[in-house]
Amino acid sequence: MKKILPMDENIYDTECPILYAMELIGQKWKLPILWYLADAENQTLRYRELERKVVGITATMLTKCLRELQADKLITRTQYNTIPPTVEYSLAERGRSLIPALESVYQWAEKQMADTE
């Protein structure tokens, strides 16, 4: 088995896939945002729709997370020149490829929650 966390190096300087994934999606709100985009009927949500779905997130944090997810090419942002401006978010191909892993985590968590009741 590969050594995941080398003790003699700065963990962020490694080529560990787990650490790489956590850099991309490890922040508290990123997974719920990706999950709701994947679950959306047409897989596109507007900013306000995301703000309503991701309970507890502040507008500042939502904006920050959306920018980071877009910079990491996990989501796409489409702006329409309407008045007021309309902005829609959807999963990019890279983000869609993450959904099967999220579904597995969801199923695992659902089972764990049932087992603890």
C-alpha atoms as a PDB file:
ATOM      1  CA  MET A   1       0.000   0.000   0.000  1.00  0.00           C
ATOM      2  CA  LYS A   2       1.235   3.471  -0.865  1.00  0.00           C
ATOM      3  CA  LYS A   3       2.229   5.810   1.910  1.00  0.00           C
ATOM      4  CA  ILE A   4      -0.393   8.549   1.845  1.00  0.00           C
ATOM      5  CA  LEU A   5       0.923  11.179   4.231  1.00  0.00           C
ATOM      6  CA  PRO A   6       4.708  11.400   4.329  1.00  0.00           C
ATOM      7  CA  MET A   7       5.801  12.513   7.775  1.00  0.00           C
ATOM      8  CA  ASP A   8       9.052  14.104   6.670  1.00  0.00           C
ATOM      9  CA  GLU A   9       7.569  16.485   4.077  1.00  0.00           C
ATOM     10  CA  ASN A  10       5.102  19.317   3.969  1.00  0.00           C
ATOM     11  CA  ILE A  11       1.887  17.420   3.202  1.00  0.00           C
ATOM     12  CA  TYR A  12       0.818  20.008   0.621  1.00  0.00           C
ATOM     13  CA  ASP A  13       3.991  19.465  -1.400  1.00  0.00           C
ATOM     14  CA  THR A  14       3.227  15.790  -2.039  1.00  0.00           C
ATOM     15  CA  GLU A  15       1.627  14.212  -5.055  1.00  0.00           C
ATOM     16  CA  CYS A  16      -0.933  12.408  -2.896  1.00  0.00           C
ATOM     17  CA  PRO A  17      -4.269  12.054  -4.745  1.00  0.00           C
ATOM     18  CA  ILE A  18      -6.263  12.348  -1.514  1.00  0.00           C
ATOM     19  CA  LEU A  19      -4.626  15.652  -0.624  1.00  0.00           C
ATOM     20  CA  TYR A  20      -5.138  16.892  -4.179  1.00  0.00           C
ATOM     21  CA  ALA A  21      -8.846  16.037  -4.000  1.00  0.00           C
ATOM     22  CA  MET A  22      -9.177  17.701  -0.616  1.00  0.00           C
ATOM     23  CA  GLU A  23      -7.621  20.880  -1.981  1.00  0.00           C
ATOM     24  CA  LEU A  24     -10.290  20.949  -4.687  1.00  0.00           C
ATOM     25  CA  ILE A  25     -13.373  19.892  -2.743  1.00  0.00           C
ATOM     26  CA  GLY A  26     -12.403  19.756   0.926  1.00  0.00           C
ATOM     27  CA  GLN A  27     -13.910  23.082   1.920  1.00  0.00           C
ATOM     28  CA  LYS A  28     -17.156  22.697   3.924  1.00  0.00           C
ATOM     29  CA  TRP A  29     -19.565  24.087   1.328  1.00  0.00           C
ATOM     30  CA  LYS A  30     -18.139  22.847  -1.961  1.00  0.00           C
ATOM     31  CA  LEU A  31     -19.578  19.330  -1.848  1.00  0.00           C
ATOM     32  CA  PRO A  32     -23.130  20.503  -1.086  1.00  0.00           C
ATOM     33  CA  ILE A  33     -22.917  22.981  -3.972  1.00  0.00           C
ATOM     34  CA  LEU A  34     -21.751  20.254  -6.358  1.00  0.00           C
ATOM     35  CA  TRP A  35     -24.402  17.868  -5.020  1.00  0.00           C
ATOM     36  CA  TYR A  36     -27.254  20.339  -5.586  1.00  0.00           C
ATOM     37  CA  LEU A  37     -26.023  21.164  -9.079  1.00  0.00           C
ATOM     38  CA  ALA A  38     -25.956  17.455  -9.914  1.00  0.00           C
ATOM     39  CA  ASP A  39     -29.419  16.986  -8.424  1.00  0.00           C
ATOM     40  CA  ALA A  40     -30.993  19.974 -10.182  1.00  0.00           C
ATOM     41  CA  GLU A  41     -33.745  19.118 -12.639  1.00  0.00           C
ATOM     42  CA  ASN A  42     -31.970  20.625 -15.635  1.00  0.00           C
ATOM     43  CA  GLN A  43     -28.568  20.523 -13.871  1.00  0.00           C
ATOM     44  CA  THR A  44     -28.440  24.312 -13.897  1.00  0.00           C
ATOM     45  CA  LEU A  45     -29.127  26.576 -10.949  1.00  0.00           C
ATOM     46  CA  ARG A  46     -29.133  30.313 -10.501  1.00  0.00           C
ATOM     47  CA  TYR A  47     -27.244  31.967  -7.679  1.00  0.00           C
ATOM     48  CA  ARG A  48     -30.379  32.563  -5.565  1.00  0.00           C
ATOM     49  CA  GLU A  49     -31.509  28.965  -6.034  1.00  0.00           C
ATOM     50  CA  LEU A  50     -28.158  27.752  -4.723  1.00  0.00           C
ATOM     51  CA  GLU A  51     -28.347  30.207  -1.848  1.00  0.00           C
ATOM     52  CA  ARG A  52     -31.742  28.756  -0.832  1.00  0.00           C
ATOM     53  CA  LYS A  53     -30.667  25.114  -1.201  1.00  0.00           C
ATOM     54  CA  VAL A  54     -27.337  25.316   0.647  1.00  0.00           C
ATOM     55  CA  VAL A  55     -28.787  26.082   4.071  1.00  0.00           C
ATOM     56  CA  GLY A  56     -26.485  28.022   6.377  1.00  0.00           C
ATOM     57  CA  ILE A  57     -24.076  29.396   3.775  1.00  0.00           C
ATOM     58  CA  THR A  58     -23.514  33.139   3.663  1.00  0.00           C
ATOM     59  CA  ALA A  59     -23.676  35.066   0.401  1.00  0.00           C
ATOM     60  CA  THR A  60     -19.978  35.891   0.696  1.00  0.00           C
ATOM     61  CA  MET A  61     -19.003  32.248   1.207  1.00  0.00           C
ATOM     62  CA  LEU A  62     -21.247  31.066  -1.634  1.00  0.00           C
ATOM     63  CA  THR A  63     -19.647  33.571  -4.000  1.00  0.00           C
ATOM     64  CA  LYS A  64     -16.152  32.529  -2.864  1.00  0.00           C
ATOM     65  CA  CYS A  65     -16.893  28.812  -3.294  1.00  0.00           C
ATOM     66  CA  LEU A  66     -18.484  29.313  -6.707  1.00  0.00           C
ATOM     67  CA  ARG A  67     -15.441  31.264  -7.897  1.00  0.00           C
ATOM     68  CA  GLU A  68     -13.070  28.568  -6.615  1.00  0.00           C
ATOM     69  CA  LEU A  69     -15.119  25.747  -8.150  1.00  0.00           C
ATOM     70  CA  GLN A  70     -15.154  27.627 -11.458  1.00  0.00           C
ATOM     71  CA  ALA A  71     -11.395  28.278 -11.283  1.00  0.00           C
ATOM     72  CA  ASP A  72     -10.855  24.553 -10.650  1.00  0.00           C
ATOM     73  CA  LYS A  73     -13.035  23.765 -13.684  1.00  0.00           C
ATOM     74  CA  LEU A  74     -15.590  21.823 -11.644  1.00  0.00           C
ATOM     75  CA  ILE A  75     -18.494  24.127 -12.552  1.00  0.00           C
ATOM     76  CA  THR A  76     -19.318  26.516 -15.357  1.00  0.00           C
ATOM     77  CA  ARG A  77     -20.806  29.975 -14.990  1.00  0.00           C
ATOM     78  CA  THR A  78     -23.028  31.376 -17.717  1.00  0.00           C
ATOM     79  CA  GLN A  79     -24.045  35.023 -17.620  1.00  0.00           C
ATOM     80  CA  TYR A  80     -26.919  36.315 -19.726  1.00  0.00           C
ATOM     81  CA  ASN A  81     -27.171  39.972 -20.682  1.00  0.00           C
ATOM     82  CA  THR A  82     -30.621  40.562 -19.279  1.00  0.00           C
ATOM     83  CA  ILE A  83     -31.892  43.175 -16.864  1.00  0.00           C
ATOM     84  CA  PRO A  84     -31.284  42.262 -14.121  1.00  0.00           C
ATOM     85  CA  PRO A  85     -28.340  40.084 -15.181  1.00  0.00           C
ATOM     86  CA  THR A  86     -29.019  36.351 -15.020  1.00  0.00           C
ATOM     87  CA  VAL A  87     -26.226  33.999 -13.967  1.00  0.00           C
ATOM     88  CA  GLU A  88     -26.530  30.221 -14.064  1.00  0.00           C
ATOM     89  CA  TYR A  89     -24.190  27.574 -12.718  1.00  0.00           C
ATOM     90  CA  SER A  90     -23.843  23.995 -13.885  1.00  0.00           C
ATOM     91  CA  LEU A  91     -21.410  21.139 -13.507  1.00  0.00           C
ATOM     92  CA  ALA A  92     -18.490  21.072 -15.905  1.00  0.00           C
ATOM     93  CA  GLU A  93     -17.343  17.711 -17.255  1.00  0.00           C
ATOM     94  CA  ARG A  94     -14.732  17.517 -14.498  1.00  0.00           C
ATOM     95  CA  GLY A  95     -17.446  18.117 -11.895  1.00  0.00           C
ATOM     96  CA  ARG A  96     -19.776  15.532 -13.451  1.00  0.00           C
ATOM     97  CA  SER A  97     -17.018  12.942 -13.227  1.00  0.00           C
ATOM     98  CA  LEU A  98     -16.974  13.485  -9.457  1.00  0.00           C
ATOM     99  CA  ILE A  99     -20.673  12.667  -8.946  1.00  0.00           C
ATOM    100  CA  PRO A 100     -20.355   8.843  -8.806  1.00  0.00           C
ATOM    101  CA  ALA A 101     -17.857   9.249  -5.947  1.00  0.00           C
ATOM    102  CA  LEU A 102     -20.221  11.647  -4.172  1.00  0.00           C
ATOM    103  CA  GLU A 103     -23.070   9.182  -4.609  1.00  0.00           C
ATOM    104  CA  SER A 104     -20.932   6.490  -2.983  1.00  0.00           C
ATOM    105  CA  VAL A 105     -20.110   8.789  -0.063  1.00  0.00           C
ATOM    106  CA  TYR A 106     -23.815   9.660   0.246  1.00  0.00           C
ATOM    107  CA  GLN A 107     -24.815   5.998   0.379  1.00  0.00           C
ATOM    108  CA  TRP A 108     -22.072   5.227   2.903  1.00  0.00           C
ATOM    109  CA  ALA A 109     -23.155   8.131   5.134  1.00  0.00           C
ATOM    110  CA  GLU A 110     -26.813   7.158   4.848  1.00  0.00           C
ATOM    111  CA  LYS A 111     -25.962   3.632   6.041  1.00  0.00           C
ATOM    112  CA  GLN A 112     -23.803   4.941   8.881  1.00  0.00           C
ATOM    113  CA  MET A 113     -26.586   7.254  10.037  1.00  0.00           C
ATOM    114  CA  ALA A 114     -29.081   4.383  10.005  1.00  0.00           C
ATOM    115  CA  ASP A 115     -26.674   2.155  11.933  1.00  0.00           C
ATOM    116  CA  THR A 116     -26.208   4.738  14.695  1.00  0.00           C
ATOM    117  CA  GLU A 117     -29.945   5.148  15.328  1.00  0.00           C
END
